[in-house]
Amino acid sequence: MLTWTFPTAELRDMLGEPPAGVRVGLWDQLVDDEPTDVPLDEVDAVLAPDWVVPEPFERIARAPRVRFVQLSTAGYEHVRGVLPAHVTVANGRGVHSDETAELAVGLVLAQLRGIDVFARRMAVQYWEPGLVKRPSLAGKRVVVVGAGSIGTEIRARLLAFRTTVTLVGRTARDTPDGPVHGVDELPALLPHADVVVVVIPLTDLSQGLVDAAFLAAMPDGALLVNVARGKVVDTAALLAELGSGRLRAALDVTDPEPLPPEHPLWRAPNLLITPHVGGDTPLTEVRVTELVRRQLAALLAGAPLENVVAGPEQPGG
């Protein structure tokens, strides 16, 4: 018997009747030390909550039989060094691709066309088109930093707006959809970018990637959009550029996060902030459930698991 726990009753119920040989239970590792309806020492696999904090995984690490943890997030930096080496971890690659790509494009459009400004004016019934014409997305040169499933979905949507899109990954390579440039090429690419969208995973190499030099390489009036992780961007360096009026930005993620009420980012000019909602739609739960079904089938059949990022079943591990 394989025992798998879910962090919410809604996700557990969306699975429906579990396959033969599978028992499902409820375990919200954010608040509970142990599952509510199955013994801790009988749990084999876990769907983790989507909060990017280590505490749930510290609780999971105490479950003696757990051998597989499924994340619903694409990022997995919060899991490193917390779970035992014998536990296989899979991320949620693909689960949030459509929603995050939608938000990224929405943030670009909102900033370029001033939608956030007009929304604030509604509260005071102020009608003023403005003397300065706001730029269109059409014709813009966009650099997308991050060539995974979300980055490729962002590119596909931006191309529909008649933009020129350059995709940047960890290393340069050719793909059926076109070339992917390496991160080392950014100094040559950034000076020609009207918009830079960051969706690269947070790693030791990407932390602080968007630093003062990165931002200085962007041309005057360019727009930075971050839907990756807050720590990819140097907050102090970004505040300096925003304060000077040289760049604009839209952030779905911040450093620190949650953003304290007194933080200067709230008052920074030329900035639009959303509270880390890139993958927060009902579609996420559907996609997570579909992934869990496939992973359950693989576990029962002894077949390879999807999206493995850590543990004994990691490719090359």
C-alpha atoms as a PDB file:
ATOM      1  CA  MET A   1       0.000   0.000   0.000  1.00  0.00           C
ATOM      2  CA  LEU A   2       1.328   3.427  -1.013  1.00  0.00           C
ATOM      3  CA  THR A   3       0.232   6.274   1.272  1.00  0.00           C
ATOM      4  CA  TRP A   4       0.228   9.771  -0.253  1.00  0.00           C
ATOM      5  CA  THR A   5      -0.815  12.930   1.633  1.00  0.00           C
ATOM      6  CA  PHE A   6      -2.271  16.192   0.323  1.00  0.00           C
ATOM      7  CA  PRO A   7      -1.961  19.642   1.947  1.00  0.00           C
ATOM      8  CA  THR A   8      -5.649  20.531   1.454  1.00  0.00           C
ATOM      9  CA  ALA A   9      -8.908  18.593   1.370  1.00  0.00           C
ATOM     10  CA  GLU A  10      -9.747  20.305  -1.917  1.00  0.00           C
ATOM     11  CA  LEU A  11      -6.693  18.894  -3.680  1.00  0.00           C
ATOM     12  CA  ARG A  12      -7.251  15.481  -2.114  1.00  0.00           C
ATOM     13  CA  ASP A  13     -10.852  15.453  -3.314  1.00  0.00           C
ATOM     14  CA  MET A  14      -9.912  16.630  -6.813  1.00  0.00           C
ATOM     15  CA  LEU A  15      -7.879  13.445  -7.222  1.00  0.00           C
ATOM     16  CA  GLY A  16     -11.080  11.437  -6.985  1.00  0.00           C
ATOM     17  CA  GLU A  17     -10.934   7.708  -6.368  1.00  0.00           C
ATOM     18  CA  PRO A  18      -7.252   6.825  -5.882  1.00  0.00           C
ATOM     19  CA  PRO A  19      -5.747   3.961  -7.898  1.00  0.00           C
ATOM     20  CA  ALA A  20      -5.752   0.481  -6.429  1.00  0.00           C
ATOM     21  CA  GLY A  21      -2.974   0.106  -3.899  1.00  0.00           C
ATOM     22  CA  VAL A  22      -2.999   3.806  -2.948  1.00  0.00           C
ATOM     23  CA  ARG A  23      -4.282   5.366   0.263  1.00  0.00           C
ATOM     24  CA  VAL A  24      -4.629   9.148   0.458  1.00  0.00           C
ATOM     25  CA  GLY A  25      -4.571  11.349   3.532  1.00  0.00           C
ATOM     26  CA  LEU A  26      -4.559  14.979   4.592  1.00  0.00           C
ATOM     27  CA  TRP A  27      -1.425  16.693   5.891  1.00  0.00           C
ATOM     28  CA  ASP A  28      -1.006  20.459   5.906  1.00  0.00           C
ATOM     29  CA  GLN A  29       2.679  20.628   6.701  1.00  0.00           C
ATOM     30  CA  LEU A  30       2.490  24.397   7.108  1.00  0.00           C
ATOM     31  CA  VAL A  31       0.688  24.020  10.436  1.00  0.00           C
ATOM     32  CA  ASP A  32       0.599  20.347  11.444  1.00  0.00           C
ATOM     33  CA  ASP A  33       3.487  18.226  12.689  1.00  0.00           C
ATOM     34  CA  GLU A  34       1.707  15.040  11.613  1.00  0.00           C
ATOM     35  CA  PRO A  35      -1.060  13.984   9.193  1.00  0.00           C
ATOM     36  CA  THR A  36      -4.602  14.255  10.481  1.00  0.00           C
ATOM     37  CA  ASP A  37      -5.947  10.928   9.230  1.00  0.00           C
ATOM     38  CA  VAL A  38      -3.004   8.573   8.587  1.00  0.00           C
ATOM     39  CA  PRO A  39      -0.052   7.663  10.832  1.00  0.00           C
ATOM     40  CA  LEU A  40       3.112   9.649  10.184  1.00  0.00           C
ATOM     41  CA  ASP A  41       5.229   6.512  10.006  1.00  0.00           C
ATOM     42  CA  GLU A  42       3.082   5.139   7.159  1.00  0.00           C
ATOM     43  CA  VAL A  43       3.433   8.110   4.775  1.00  0.00           C
ATOM     44  CA  ASP A  44       5.364   7.259   1.598  1.00  0.00           C
ATOM     45  CA  ALA A  45       4.764  10.273  -0.644  1.00  0.00           C
ATOM     46  CA  VAL A  46       3.763  13.882  -0.077  1.00  0.00           C
ATOM     47  CA  LEU A  47       2.317  16.737  -2.082  1.00  0.00           C
ATOM     48  CA  ALA A  48       3.878  19.790  -0.436  1.00  0.00           C
ATOM     49  CA  PRO A  49       2.100  23.138  -0.008  1.00  0.00           C
ATOM     50  CA  ASP A  50       3.046  25.881  -2.426  1.00  0.00           C
ATOM     51  CA  TRP A  51       4.660  28.176   0.142  1.00  0.00           C
ATOM     52  CA  VAL A  52       8.362  28.659  -0.577  1.00  0.00           C
ATOM     53  CA  VAL A  53       9.530  28.290   3.027  1.00  0.00           C
ATOM     54  CA  PRO A  54      11.543  25.430   4.591  1.00  0.00           C
ATOM     55  CA  GLU A  55       9.279  24.698   7.587  1.00  0.00           C
ATOM     56  CA  PRO A  56       6.954  22.191   5.836  1.00  0.00           C
ATOM     57  CA  PHE A  57       9.936  20.214   4.618  1.00  0.00           C
ATOM     58  CA  GLU A  58      11.468  20.099   8.065  1.00  0.00           C
ATOM     59  CA  ARG A  59       8.252  18.347   9.168  1.00  0.00           C
ATOM     60  CA  ILE A  60       8.334  16.018   6.148  1.00  0.00           C
ATOM     61  CA  ALA A  61      11.949  15.117   6.952  1.00  0.00           C
ATOM     62  CA  ARG A  62      10.749  13.582  10.220  1.00  0.00           C
ATOM     63  CA  ALA A  63       8.479  11.095   8.413  1.00  0.00           C
ATOM     64  CA  PRO A  64      10.547   7.880   8.402  1.00  0.00           C
ATOM     65  CA  ARG A  65       9.079   6.254   5.269  1.00  0.00           C
ATOM     66  CA  VAL A  66       8.719   9.232   2.929  1.00  0.00           C
ATOM     67  CA  ARG A  67      10.620   8.583  -0.262  1.00  0.00           C
ATOM     68  CA  PHE A  68       8.976  11.033  -2.673  1.00  0.00           C
ATOM     69  CA  VAL A  69       7.968  14.696  -2.375  1.00  0.00           C
ATOM     70  CA  GLN A  70       6.062  16.468  -5.122  1.00  0.00           C
ATOM     71  CA  LEU A  71       6.278  20.261  -5.218  1.00  0.00           C
ATOM     72  CA  SER A  72       3.604  22.374  -6.833  1.00  0.00           C
ATOM     73  CA  THR A  73       6.133  25.169  -7.390  1.00  0.00           C
ATOM     74  CA  ALA A  74       8.623  25.351 -10.231  1.00  0.00           C
ATOM     75  CA  GLY A  75      11.249  26.745  -7.870  1.00  0.00           C
ATOM     76  CA  TYR A  76      12.835  24.409  -5.350  1.00  0.00           C
ATOM     77  CA  GLU A  77      15.526  26.479  -3.665  1.00  0.00           C
ATOM     78  CA  HIS A  78      13.606  26.291  -0.361  1.00  0.00           C
ATOM     79  CA  VAL A  79      13.985  22.474  -0.276  1.00  0.00           C
ATOM     80  CA  ARG A  80      17.748  22.273  -0.675  1.00  0.00           C
ATOM     81  CA  GLY A  81      19.497  20.769   2.307  1.00  0.00           C
ATOM     82  CA  VAL A  82      16.277  20.159   4.248  1.00  0.00           C
ATOM     83  CA  LEU A  83      15.176  16.691   3.128  1.00  0.00           C
ATOM     84  CA  PRO A  84      17.275  13.511   3.518  1.00  0.00           C
ATOM     85  CA  ALA A  85      19.298  12.431   0.503  1.00  0.00           C
ATOM     86  CA  HIS A  86      17.168   9.308  -0.011  1.00  0.00           C
ATOM     87  CA  VAL A  87      14.034  11.387  -0.713  1.00  0.00           C
ATOM     88  CA  THR A  88      13.305  12.063  -4.380  1.00  0.00           C
ATOM     89  CA  VAL A  89      11.953  15.565  -5.043  1.00  0.00           C
ATOM     90  CA  ALA A  90      10.073  16.634  -8.171  1.00  0.00           C
ATOM     91  CA  ASN A  91       9.141  20.217  -8.941  1.00  0.00           C
ATOM     92  CA  GLY A  92       5.989  21.585 -10.543  1.00  0.00           C
ATOM     93  CA  ARG A  93       7.508  22.448 -13.914  1.00  0.00           C
ATOM     94  CA  GLY A  94       4.662  23.205 -16.317  1.00  0.00           C
ATOM     95  CA  VAL A  95       2.032  23.578 -13.600  1.00  0.00           C
ATOM     96  CA  HIS A  96       2.196  27.390 -13.540  1.00  0.00           C
ATOM     97  CA  SER A  97       3.452  28.074 -17.067  1.00  0.00           C
ATOM     98  CA  ASP A  98       0.276  29.498 -18.583  1.00  0.00           C
ATOM     99  CA  GLU A  99      -0.748  31.566 -15.565  1.00  0.00           C
ATOM    100  CA  THR A 100       2.703  33.050 -14.939  1.00  0.00           C
ATOM    101  CA  ALA A 101       3.151  33.834 -18.629  1.00  0.00           C
ATOM    102  CA  GLU A 102      -0.221  35.595 -18.621  1.00  0.00           C
ATOM    103  CA  LEU A 103       0.723  37.715 -15.630  1.00  0.00           C
ATOM    104  CA  ALA A 104       4.133  38.570 -17.092  1.00  0.00           C
ATOM    105  CA  VAL A 105       2.529  39.859 -20.287  1.00  0.00           C
ATOM    106  CA  GLY A 106      -0.165  41.612 -18.241  1.00  0.00           C
ATOM    107  CA  LEU A 107       2.484  43.429 -16.198  1.00  0.00           C
ATOM    108  CA  VAL A 108       4.291  44.497 -19.360  1.00  0.00           C
ATOM    109  CA  LEU A 109       1.076  45.883 -20.858  1.00  0.00           C
ATOM    110  CA  ALA A 110       0.000  47.546 -17.610  1.00  0.00           C
ATOM    111  CA  GLN A 111       3.304  49.372 -17.244  1.00  0.00           C
ATOM    112  CA  LEU A 112       3.688  50.384 -20.869  1.00  0.00           C
ATOM    113  CA  ARG A 113       0.107  51.616 -21.268  1.00  0.00           C
ATOM    114  CA  GLY A 114      -0.280  53.080 -17.761  1.00  0.00           C
ATOM    115  CA  ILE A 115      -3.198  50.841 -16.793  1.00  0.00           C
ATOM    116  CA  ASP A 116      -2.198  50.948 -13.122  1.00  0.00           C
ATOM    117  CA  VAL A 117      -2.165  54.752 -13.193  1.00  0.00           C
ATOM    118  CA  PHE A 118      -5.622  54.931 -14.738  1.00  0.00           C
ATOM    119  CA  ALA A 119      -6.952  52.399 -12.212  1.00  0.00           C
ATOM    120  CA  ARG A 120      -5.809  54.641  -9.352  1.00  0.00           C
ATOM    121  CA  ARG A 121      -7.447  57.664 -10.983  1.00  0.00           C
ATOM    122  CA  MET A 122     -10.798  55.874 -10.969  1.00  0.00           C
ATOM    123  CA  ALA A 123     -10.850  56.119  -7.172  1.00  0.00           C
ATOM    124  CA  VAL A 124     -10.882  59.922  -7.409  1.00  0.00           C
ATOM    125  CA  GLN A 125     -13.007  60.163 -10.575  1.00  0.00           C
ATOM    126  CA  TYR A 126     -10.198  61.867 -12.458  1.00  0.00           C
ATOM    127  CA  TRP A 127     -10.395  61.866 -16.259  1.00  0.00           C
ATOM    128  CA  GLU A 128      -7.156  62.944 -17.891  1.00  0.00           C
ATOM    129  CA  PRO A 129      -5.712  61.101 -20.887  1.00  0.00           C
ATOM    130  CA  GLY A 130      -2.398  62.854 -20.344  1.00  0.00           C
ATOM    131  CA  LEU A 131      -0.164  64.863 -22.602  1.00  0.00           C
ATOM    132  CA  VAL A 132       2.472  62.152 -23.007  1.00  0.00           C
ATOM    133  CA  LYS A 133       1.569  59.275 -25.281  1.00  0.00           C
ATOM    134  CA  ARG A 134       2.253  55.924 -23.626  1.00  0.00           C
ATOM    135  CA  PRO A 135       4.263  53.373 -25.609  1.00  0.00           C
ATOM    136  CA  SER A 136       2.774  50.359 -27.350  1.00  0.00           C
ATOM    137  CA  LEU A 137       4.080  46.842 -26.873  1.00  0.00           C
ATOM    138  CA  ALA A 138       4.080  46.280 -30.628  1.00  0.00           C
ATOM    139  CA  GLY A 139       7.533  46.684 -32.089  1.00  0.00           C
ATOM    140  CA  LYS A 140       9.336  46.346 -28.770  1.00  0.00           C
ATOM    141  CA  ARG A 141      12.527  44.310 -28.366  1.00  0.00           C
ATOM    142  CA  VAL A 142      12.092  41.929 -25.434  1.00  0.00           C
ATOM    143  CA  VAL A 143      14.707  39.819 -23.660  1.00  0.00           C
ATOM    144  CA  VAL A 144      13.262  36.925 -21.624  1.00  0.00           C
ATOM    145  CA  VAL A 145      15.799  35.661 -19.080  1.00  0.00           C
ATOM    146  CA  GLY A 146      14.787  32.070 -18.385  1.00  0.00           C
ATOM    147  CA  ALA A 147      14.287  29.479 -21.098  1.00  0.00           C
ATOM    148  CA  GLY A 148      12.214  26.875 -19.250  1.00  0.00           C
ATOM    149  CA  SER A 149       8.528  26.130 -19.714  1.00  0.00           C
ATOM    150  CA  ILE A 150       7.408  29.529 -18.396  1.00  0.00           C
ATOM    151  CA  GLY A 151       9.944  31.454 -20.459  1.00  0.00           C
ATOM    152  CA  THR A 152       8.906  29.716 -23.664  1.00  0.00           C
ATOM    153  CA  GLU A 153       5.227  30.432 -22.915  1.00  0.00           C
ATOM    154  CA  ILE A 154       6.038  34.097 -22.319  1.00  0.00           C
ATOM    155  CA  ARG A 155       7.858  34.231 -25.646  1.00  0.00           C
ATOM    156  CA  ALA A 156       4.909  32.646 -27.470  1.00  0.00           C
ATOM    157  CA  ARG A 157       2.497  35.240 -26.073  1.00  0.00           C
ATOM    158  CA  LEU A 158       4.784  38.189 -26.697  1.00  0.00           C
ATOM    159  CA  LEU A 159       5.303  37.201 -30.324  1.00  0.00           C
ATOM    160  CA  ALA A 160       1.543  37.584 -30.834  1.00  0.00           C
ATOM    161  CA  PHE A 161       1.982  41.266 -29.931  1.00  0.00           C
ATOM    162  CA  ARG A 162       4.391  41.755 -32.848  1.00  0.00           C
ATOM    163  CA  THR A 163       7.480  42.016 -30.669  1.00  0.00           C
ATOM    164  CA  THR A 164      10.995  40.736 -31.215  1.00  0.00           C
ATOM    165  CA  VAL A 165      11.821  38.225 -28.465  1.00  0.00           C
ATOM    166  CA  THR A 166      15.259  36.971 -27.454  1.00  0.00           C
ATOM    167  CA  LEU A 167      15.277  34.001 -25.088  1.00  0.00           C
ATOM    168  CA  VAL A 168      18.172  33.602 -22.639  1.00  0.00           C
ATOM    169  CA  GLY A 169      18.971  30.396 -20.749  1.00  0.00           C
ATOM    170  CA  ARG A 170      21.800  29.150 -18.610  1.00  0.00           C
ATOM    171  CA  THR A 171      23.721  28.055 -21.701  1.00  0.00           C
ATOM    172  CA  ALA A 172      23.383  28.787 -25.412  1.00  0.00           C
ATOM    173  CA  ARG A 173      21.674  26.168 -27.555  1.00  0.00           C
ATOM    174  CA  ASP A 174      19.502  25.676 -30.612  1.00  0.00           C
ATOM    175  CA  THR A 175      15.879  24.569 -30.235  1.00  0.00           C
ATOM    176  CA  PRO A 176      13.098  23.813 -32.759  1.00  0.00           C
ATOM    177  CA  ASP A 177      11.597  27.224 -31.875  1.00  0.00           C
ATOM    178  CA  GLY A 178      14.829  29.121 -32.385  1.00  0.00           C
ATOM    179  CA  PRO A 179      18.087  29.875 -30.614  1.00  0.00           C
ATOM    180  CA  VAL A 180      18.495  30.264 -26.872  1.00  0.00           C
ATOM    181  CA  HIS A 181      21.267  32.624 -25.859  1.00  0.00           C
ATOM    182  CA  GLY A 182      23.474  32.022 -22.839  1.00  0.00           C
ATOM    183  CA  VAL A 183      23.470  34.166 -19.705  1.00  0.00           C
ATOM    184  CA  ASP A 184      27.024  35.182 -20.565  1.00  0.00           C
ATOM    185  CA  GLU A 185      25.622  37.029 -23.595  1.00  0.00           C
ATOM    186  CA  LEU A 186      23.458  39.370 -21.498  1.00  0.00           C
ATOM    187  CA  PRO A 187      25.954  42.293 -21.511  1.00  0.00           C
ATOM    188  CA  ALA A 188      25.649  42.401 -25.299  1.00  0.00           C
ATOM    189  CA  LEU A 189      21.853  41.870 -25.360  1.00  0.00           C
ATOM    190  CA  LEU A 190      20.654  44.227 -22.627  1.00  0.00           C
ATOM    191  CA  PRO A 191      21.611  47.552 -24.284  1.00  0.00           C
ATOM    192  CA  HIS A 192      19.152  46.734 -27.100  1.00  0.00           C
ATOM    193  CA  ALA A 193      16.220  45.615 -24.917  1.00  0.00           C
ATOM    194  CA  ASP A 194      13.107  47.743 -24.468  1.00  0.00           C
ATOM    195  CA  VAL A 195      11.700  45.158 -22.029  1.00  0.00           C
ATOM    196  CA  VAL A 196      13.469  42.531 -19.906  1.00  0.00           C
ATOM    197  CA  VAL A 197      11.357  39.764 -18.350  1.00  0.00           C
ATOM    198  CA  VAL A 198      13.086  37.674 -15.674  1.00  0.00           C
ATOM    199  CA  VAL A 199      11.807  34.152 -15.010  1.00  0.00           C
ATOM    200  CA  ILE A 200      15.067  32.332 -14.263  1.00  0.00           C
ATOM    201  CA  PRO A 201      15.118  29.860 -11.318  1.00  0.00           C
ATOM    202  CA  LEU A 202      16.779  31.025  -8.116  1.00  0.00           C
ATOM    203  CA  THR A 203      20.159  29.330  -7.687  1.00  0.00           C
ATOM    204  CA  ASP A 204      23.531  30.330  -6.288  1.00  0.00           C
ATOM    205  CA  LEU A 205      24.418  31.543  -9.785  1.00  0.00           C
ATOM    206  CA  SER A 206      21.232  33.545 -10.411  1.00  0.00           C
ATOM    207  CA  GLN A 207      20.921  35.182  -6.986  1.00  0.00           C
ATOM    208  CA  GLY A 208      21.602  38.866  -7.511  1.00  0.00           C
ATOM    209  CA  LEU A 209      21.937  38.394 -11.282  1.00  0.00           C
ATOM    210  CA  VAL A 210      19.993  41.598 -11.887  1.00  0.00           C
ATOM    211  CA  ASP A 211      22.504  43.843 -10.149  1.00  0.00           C
ATOM    212  CA  ALA A 212      23.666  47.402 -10.693  1.00  0.00           C
ATOM    213  CA  ALA A 213      25.730  46.446 -13.755  1.00  0.00           C
ATOM    214  CA  PHE A 214      22.820  44.500 -15.290  1.00  0.00           C
ATOM    215  CA  LEU A 215      20.445  47.435 -14.797  1.00  0.00           C
ATOM    216  CA  ALA A 216      22.985  49.986 -16.014  1.00  0.00           C
ATOM    217  CA  ALA A 217      23.271  48.043 -19.267  1.00  0.00           C
ATOM    218  CA  MET A 218      19.551  48.498 -19.963  1.00  0.00           C
ATOM    219  CA  PRO A 219      18.737  51.574 -22.064  1.00  0.00           C
ATOM    220  CA  ASP A 220      16.966  54.645 -20.709  1.00  0.00           C
ATOM    221  CA  GLY A 221      13.212  54.088 -20.383  1.00  0.00           C
ATOM    222  CA  ALA A 222      13.471  50.292 -20.464  1.00  0.00           C
ATOM    223  CA  LEU A 223      11.121  48.114 -18.410  1.00  0.00           C
ATOM    224  CA  LEU A 224      12.174  45.300 -16.056  1.00  0.00           C
ATOM    225  CA  VAL A 225       9.579  42.638 -15.147  1.00  0.00           C
ATOM    226  CA  ASN A 226      10.397  40.014 -12.492  1.00  0.00           C
ATOM    227  CA  VAL A 227       8.156  36.952 -12.177  1.00  0.00           C
ATOM    228  CA  ALA A 228      10.980  34.684 -10.969  1.00  0.00           C
ATOM    229  CA  ARG A 229      12.133  35.110  -7.362  1.00  0.00           C
ATOM    230  CA  GLY A 230      12.776  38.327  -5.495  1.00  0.00           C
ATOM    231  CA  LYS A 231      16.397  37.507  -4.712  1.00  0.00           C
ATOM    232  CA  VAL A 232      17.282  37.388  -8.416  1.00  0.00           C
ATOM    233  CA  VAL A 233      17.112  41.202  -8.351  1.00  0.00           C
ATOM    234  CA  ASP A 234      19.321  43.454  -6.226  1.00  0.00           C
ATOM    235  CA  THR A 235      16.621  45.548  -4.549  1.00  0.00           C
ATOM    236  CA  ALA A 236      18.921  48.444  -3.638  1.00  0.00           C
ATOM    237  CA  ALA A 237      20.235  48.692  -7.194  1.00  0.00           C
ATOM    238  CA  LEU A 238      16.706  48.639  -8.602  1.00  0.00           C
ATOM    239  CA  LEU A 239      15.548  51.328  -6.171  1.00  0.00           C
ATOM    240  CA  ALA A 240      18.407  53.544  -7.322  1.00  0.00           C
ATOM    241  CA  GLU A 241      17.428  53.200 -10.993  1.00  0.00           C
ATOM    242  CA  LEU A 242      13.726  53.739 -10.278  1.00  0.00           C
ATOM    243  CA  GLY A 243      14.460  56.754  -8.126  1.00  0.00           C
ATOM    244  CA  SER A 244      16.469  58.350 -10.906  1.00  0.00           C
ATOM    245  CA  GLY A 245      13.562  57.888 -13.301  1.00  0.00           C
ATOM    246  CA  ARG A 246      15.751  56.071 -15.810  1.00  0.00           C
ATOM    247  CA  LEU A 247      14.029  52.674 -15.684  1.00  0.00           C
ATOM    248  CA  ARG A 248      10.575  51.274 -14.994  1.00  0.00           C
ATOM    249  CA  ALA A 249       9.728  47.966 -13.343  1.00  0.00           C
ATOM    250  CA  ALA A 250       6.925  45.558 -12.523  1.00  0.00           C
ATOM    251  CA  LEU A 251       7.476  42.978  -9.788  1.00  0.00           C
ATOM    252  CA  ASP A 252       5.395  39.954  -8.872  1.00  0.00           C
ATOM    253  CA  VAL A 253       8.148  38.906  -6.459  1.00  0.00           C
ATOM    254  CA  THR A 254      10.275  41.002  -4.124  1.00  0.00           C
ATOM    255  CA  ASP A 255      13.211  40.809  -1.756  1.00  0.00           C
ATOM    256  CA  PRO A 256      12.194  40.788   1.044  1.00  0.00           C
ATOM    257  CA  GLU A 257       8.906  38.909   0.712  1.00  0.00           C
ATOM    258  CA  PRO A 258       6.272  39.497   1.941  1.00  0.00           C
ATOM    259  CA  LEU A 259       7.090  43.153   1.408  1.00  0.00           C
ATOM    260  CA  PRO A 260       6.798  45.070   4.719  1.00  0.00           C
ATOM    261  CA  PRO A 261       4.473  48.104   4.708  1.00  0.00           C
ATOM    262  CA  GLU A 262       7.326  50.521   5.375  1.00  0.00           C
ATOM    263  CA  HIS A 263       9.599  49.197   2.598  1.00  0.00           C
ATOM    264  CA  PRO A 264      10.751  51.842   0.076  1.00  0.00           C
ATOM    265  CA  LEU A 265       9.656  49.710  -2.880  1.00  0.00           C
ATOM    266  CA  TRP A 266       6.049  50.625  -2.067  1.00  0.00           C
ATOM    267  CA  ARG A 267       6.874  54.293  -2.657  1.00  0.00           C
ATOM    268  CA  ALA A 268       9.260  53.881  -5.592  1.00  0.00           C
ATOM    269  CA  PRO A 269       8.283  55.749  -8.756  1.00  0.00           C
ATOM    270  CA  ASN A 270       7.674  53.937 -12.039  1.00  0.00           C
ATOM    271  CA  LEU A 271       6.964  50.644 -10.238  1.00  0.00           C
ATOM    272  CA  LEU A 272       4.008  48.255 -10.284  1.00  0.00           C
ATOM    273  CA  ILE A 273       3.860  45.488  -7.636  1.00  0.00           C
ATOM    274  CA  THR A 274       1.677  42.386  -7.482  1.00  0.00           C
ATOM    275  CA  PRO A 275       1.880  40.059  -4.422  1.00  0.00           C
ATOM    276  CA  HIS A 276       3.412  36.886  -5.911  1.00  0.00           C
ATOM    277  CA  VAL A 277       0.252  35.756  -7.716  1.00  0.00           C
ATOM    278  CA  GLY A 278       1.805  34.577 -10.977  1.00  0.00           C
ATOM    279  CA  GLY A 279       0.641  30.990 -10.570  1.00  0.00           C
ATOM    280  CA  ASP A 280      -2.297  31.605  -8.280  1.00  0.00           C
ATOM    281  CA  THR A 281      -5.390  30.646 -10.304  1.00  0.00           C
ATOM    282  CA  PRO A 282      -7.832  27.717 -10.213  1.00  0.00           C
ATOM    283  CA  LEU A 283      -6.009  26.229 -13.205  1.00  0.00           C
ATOM    284  CA  THR A 284      -3.045  25.530 -10.934  1.00  0.00           C
ATOM    285  CA  GLU A 285      -5.044  23.053  -8.865  1.00  0.00           C
ATOM    286  CA  VAL A 286      -6.175  21.246 -12.025  1.00  0.00           C
ATOM    287  CA  ARG A 287      -2.617  21.013 -13.340  1.00  0.00           C
ATOM    288  CA  VAL A 288      -1.262  19.855  -9.964  1.00  0.00           C
ATOM    289  CA  THR A 289      -3.900  17.120  -9.803  1.00  0.00           C
ATOM    290  CA  GLU A 290      -3.040  15.944 -13.315  1.00  0.00           C
ATOM    291  CA  LEU A 291       0.655  15.809 -12.383  1.00  0.00           C
ATOM    292  CA  VAL A 292      -0.062  13.880  -9.182  1.00  0.00           C
ATOM    293  CA  ARG A 293      -2.046  11.279 -11.147  1.00  0.00           C
ATOM    294  CA  ARG A 294       0.879  10.750 -13.510  1.00  0.00           C
ATOM    295  CA  GLN A 295       3.375  10.553 -10.656  1.00  0.00           C
ATOM    296  CA  LEU A 296       1.204   8.049  -8.778  1.00  0.00           C
ATOM    297  CA  ALA A 297       1.036   5.846 -11.857  1.00  0.00           C
ATOM    298  CA  ALA A 298       4.816   6.027 -12.231  1.00  0.00           C
ATOM    299  CA  LEU A 299       5.418   5.154  -8.573  1.00  0.00           C
ATOM    300  CA  LEU A 300       3.103   2.153  -8.767  1.00  0.00           C
ATOM    301  CA  ALA A 301       4.693   0.934 -11.996  1.00  0.00           C
ATOM    302  CA  GLY A 302       8.281   1.615 -10.931  1.00  0.00           C
ATOM    303  CA  ALA A 303       8.570   3.928 -13.951  1.00  0.00           C
ATOM    304  CA  PRO A 304      10.622   7.161 -14.183  1.00  0.00           C
ATOM    305  CA  LEU A 305       9.090  10.163 -12.442  1.00  0.00           C
ATOM    306  CA  GLU A 306       8.617  13.577 -14.045  1.00  0.00           C
ATOM    307  CA  ASN A 307      10.445  16.782 -13.114  1.00  0.00           C
ATOM    308  CA  VAL A 308      12.926  15.174 -10.694  1.00  0.00           C
ATOM    309  CA  VAL A 309      15.248  17.847  -9.273  1.00  0.00           C
ATOM    310  CA  ALA A 310      16.807  16.140  -6.241  1.00  0.00           C
ATOM    311  CA  GLY A 311      17.357  12.752  -4.654  1.00  0.00           C
ATOM    312  CA  PRO A 312      18.363   9.303  -5.866  1.00  0.00           C
ATOM    313  CA  GLU A 313      16.214   9.408  -9.028  1.00  0.00           C
ATOM    314  CA  GLN A 314      17.662  12.704 -10.234  1.00  0.00           C
ATOM    315  CA  PRO A 315      19.135  12.299 -13.727  1.00  0.00           C
ATOM    316  CA  GLY A 316      22.869  11.940 -13.335  1.00  0.00           C
ATOM    317  CA  GLY A 317      22.487  11.667  -9.573  1.00  0.00           C
END
